[in-house]
Amino acid sequence: MDGTKRENIEVGLEVEVVLKKDQRRGVLTHGFVKRILTSSKFHPHGIKVMLEDGQVGRVQEIIEE
């Protein structure tokens, strides 16, 4: 599912994000959404979220259950 649209993301969702430090390498970090930080409906690089462990990144992929 598309991580660039805020409507697709909700608290507790399992996602893959790219952290700021990993943007050049494209390394993804797995986690669960604790807070949605982007207020706009769309962001071309992914909606920014805080994971339950406190890390902040942009959603690249939503894990389907």
N, C-alpha and C. Protein backbone atom coordinates (compact mmCIF):
# COMPACT_ATOMS: atom_id res chain seq x y z
N MET A 1 0.84 -1.19 0.00
CA MET A 1 0.00 0.00 0.00
C MET A 1 0.88 1.25 0.00
N ASP A 2 0.31 2.35 -0.40
CA ASP A 2 1.04 3.60 -0.62
C ASP A 2 1.30 4.36 0.68
N GLY A 3 2.57 4.60 0.99
CA GLY A 3 2.94 5.34 2.20
C GLY A 3 3.01 6.84 2.01
N THR A 4 2.63 7.33 0.82
CA THR A 4 2.69 8.77 0.57
C THR A 4 1.37 9.47 0.90
N LYS A 5 0.32 8.71 1.19
CA LYS A 5 -1.00 9.28 1.50
C LYS A 5 -1.31 9.06 2.99
N ARG A 6 -1.61 10.16 3.67
CA ARG A 6 -1.89 10.11 5.10
C ARG A 6 -3.09 9.22 5.42
N GLU A 7 -4.07 9.19 4.53
CA GLU A 7 -5.30 8.40 4.77
C GLU A 7 -5.02 6.90 4.89
N ASN A 8 -3.88 6.43 4.37
CA ASN A 8 -3.54 5.01 4.42
C ASN A 8 -2.85 4.61 5.72
N ILE A 9 -2.50 5.60 6.55
CA ILE A 9 -1.67 5.33 7.73
C ILE A 9 -2.46 5.61 9.00
N GLU A 10 -2.35 4.68 9.95
CA GLU A 10 -3.01 4.87 11.24
C GLU A 10 -2.12 4.33 12.34
N VAL A 11 -2.36 4.78 13.56
CA VAL A 11 -1.59 4.34 14.72
C VAL A 11 -1.72 2.83 14.88
N GLY A 12 -0.60 2.18 15.15
CA GLY A 12 -0.58 0.73 15.34
C GLY A 12 -0.28 -0.06 14.08
N LEU A 13 -0.23 0.62 12.94
CA LEU A 13 0.02 -0.04 11.66
C LEU A 13 1.47 -0.52 11.56
N GLU A 14 1.68 -1.69 10.97
CA GLU A 14 3.02 -2.24 10.76
C GLU A 14 3.57 -1.67 9.45
N VAL A 15 4.76 -1.04 9.53
CA VAL A 15 5.31 -0.33 8.38
C VAL A 15 6.82 -0.54 8.24
N GLU A 16 7.32 -0.18 7.07
CA GLU A 16 8.75 -0.07 6.81
C GLU A 16 9.01 1.41 6.55
N VAL A 17 9.94 2.01 7.29
CA VAL A 17 10.26 3.42 7.11
C VAL A 17 11.73 3.58 6.75
N VAL A 18 12.05 4.72 6.14
CA VAL A 18 13.45 5.08 5.92
C VAL A 18 13.76 6.21 6.90
N LEU A 19 14.78 5.99 7.72
CA LEU A 19 15.21 7.00 8.68
C LEU A 19 16.04 8.04 7.97
N LYS A 20 16.13 9.25 8.53
CA LYS A 20 16.89 10.35 7.92
C LYS A 20 18.34 9.92 7.63
N LYS A 21 18.96 9.23 8.60
CA LYS A 21 20.36 8.82 8.44
C LYS A 21 20.54 7.76 7.35
N ASP A 22 19.46 7.07 6.97
CA ASP A 22 19.53 5.99 5.99
C ASP A 22 19.00 6.38 4.62
N GLN A 23 18.61 7.65 4.42
CA GLN A 23 17.99 8.05 3.16
C GLN A 23 18.87 7.80 1.94
N ARG A 24 20.14 8.10 2.04
CA ARG A 24 21.04 7.91 0.89
C ARG A 24 21.20 6.44 0.53
N ARG A 25 21.26 5.58 1.56
CA ARG A 25 21.46 4.15 1.32
C ARG A 25 20.16 3.42 1.05
N GLY A 26 19.03 4.02 1.48
CA GLY A 26 17.73 3.39 1.25
C GLY A 26 17.44 2.22 2.18
N VAL A 27 18.11 2.18 3.33
CA VAL A 27 17.89 1.10 4.29
C VAL A 27 16.56 1.32 4.99
N LEU A 28 15.74 0.26 5.05
CA LEU A 28 14.43 0.35 5.67
C LEU A 28 14.46 -0.18 7.10
N THR A 29 13.64 0.43 7.96
CA THR A 29 13.52 0.02 9.35
C THR A 29 12.08 -0.41 9.59
N HIS A 30 11.92 -1.55 10.22
CA HIS A 30 10.60 -2.13 10.48
C HIS A 30 10.09 -1.66 11.83
N GLY A 31 8.78 -1.38 11.91
CA GLY A 31 8.20 -1.00 13.20
C GLY A 31 6.71 -0.77 13.11
N PHE A 32 6.16 -0.27 14.22
CA PHE A 32 4.74 0.01 14.33
C PHE A 32 4.54 1.49 14.61
N VAL A 33 3.56 2.10 13.95
CA VAL A 33 3.32 3.54 14.07
C VAL A 33 2.80 3.88 15.47
N LYS A 34 3.50 4.83 16.11
CA LYS A 34 3.06 5.35 17.40
C LYS A 34 2.34 6.69 17.21
N ARG A 35 2.91 7.56 16.34
CA ARG A 35 2.33 8.87 16.04
C ARG A 35 2.54 9.21 14.58
N ILE A 36 1.59 9.91 13.99
CA ILE A 36 1.72 10.43 12.63
C ILE A 36 2.17 11.88 12.75
N LEU A 37 3.31 12.22 12.14
CA LEU A 37 3.89 13.55 12.32
C LEU A 37 3.58 14.50 11.16
N THR A 38 3.33 13.98 9.97
CA THR A 38 3.00 14.82 8.81
C THR A 38 1.53 15.21 8.89
N SER A 39 1.27 16.52 8.78
CA SER A 39 -0.13 16.98 8.87
C SER A 39 -0.82 17.06 7.52
N SER A 40 -0.04 17.16 6.43
CA SER A 40 -0.65 17.26 5.10
C SER A 40 -1.19 15.90 4.64
N LYS A 41 -2.11 15.92 3.68
CA LYS A 41 -2.73 14.69 3.19
C LYS A 41 -1.78 13.83 2.36
N PHE A 42 -0.75 14.46 1.78
CA PHE A 42 0.16 13.76 0.87
C PHE A 42 1.57 14.30 1.03
N HIS A 43 2.56 13.42 0.92
CA HIS A 43 3.96 13.84 0.85
C HIS A 43 4.67 12.89 -0.11
N PRO A 44 5.35 13.45 -1.13
CA PRO A 44 5.95 12.60 -2.18
C PRO A 44 7.02 11.62 -1.69
N HIS A 45 7.66 11.91 -0.56
CA HIS A 45 8.71 11.03 -0.04
C HIS A 45 8.21 10.10 1.06
N GLY A 46 6.93 10.18 1.38
CA GLY A 46 6.35 9.34 2.42
C GLY A 46 5.92 10.16 3.62
N ILE A 47 4.88 9.70 4.28
CA ILE A 47 4.36 10.37 5.46
C ILE A 47 5.33 10.12 6.63
N LYS A 48 5.68 11.17 7.36
CA LYS A 48 6.61 11.04 8.47
C LYS A 48 5.86 10.55 9.70
N VAL A 49 6.41 9.49 10.33
CA VAL A 49 5.81 8.90 11.52
C VAL A 49 6.87 8.65 12.59
N MET A 50 6.39 8.51 13.83
CA MET A 50 7.25 8.06 14.91
C MET A 50 6.86 6.61 15.20
N LEU A 51 7.87 5.75 15.26
CA LEU A 51 7.63 4.35 15.58
C LEU A 51 7.52 4.18 17.09
N GLU A 52 7.01 3.03 17.52
CA GLU A 52 6.84 2.76 18.95
C GLU A 52 8.15 2.83 19.72
N ASP A 53 9.29 2.58 19.05
CA ASP A 53 10.59 2.65 19.73
C ASP A 53 11.18 4.06 19.72
N GLY A 54 10.43 5.04 19.19
CA GLY A 54 10.88 6.43 19.21
C GLY A 54 11.59 6.91 17.96
N GLN A 55 11.92 6.01 17.05
CA GLN A 55 12.60 6.41 15.82
C GLN A 55 11.59 7.11 14.88
N VAL A 56 12.11 8.09 14.12
CA VAL A 56 11.27 8.86 13.21
C VAL A 56 11.74 8.64 11.78
N GLY A 57 10.79 8.37 10.89
CA GLY A 57 11.14 8.17 9.48
C GLY A 57 9.92 8.33 8.60
N ARG A 58 10.16 8.23 7.29
CA ARG A 58 9.09 8.35 6.31
C ARG A 58 8.66 6.97 5.83
N VAL A 59 7.35 6.75 5.80
CA VAL A 59 6.79 5.44 5.44
C VAL A 59 7.08 5.14 3.96
N GLN A 60 7.73 4.02 3.73
CA GLN A 60 8.01 3.56 2.37
C GLN A 60 7.09 2.42 1.98
N GLU A 61 6.69 1.64 2.98
CA GLU A 61 5.86 0.47 2.69
C GLU A 61 4.97 0.17 3.89
N ILE A 62 3.74 -0.20 3.60
CA ILE A 62 2.80 -0.63 4.63
C ILE A 62 2.70 -2.14 4.53
N ILE A 63 2.91 -2.82 5.66
CA ILE A 63 2.88 -4.28 5.68
C ILE A 63 1.43 -4.74 5.75
N GLU A 64 1.01 -5.51 4.76
CA GLU A 64 -0.36 -6.04 4.71
C GLU A 64 -0.45 -7.27 5.60
N GLU A 65 -1.55 -7.39 6.31
CA GLU A 65 -1.73 -8.57 7.17
C GLU A 65 -2.72 -9.51 6.55
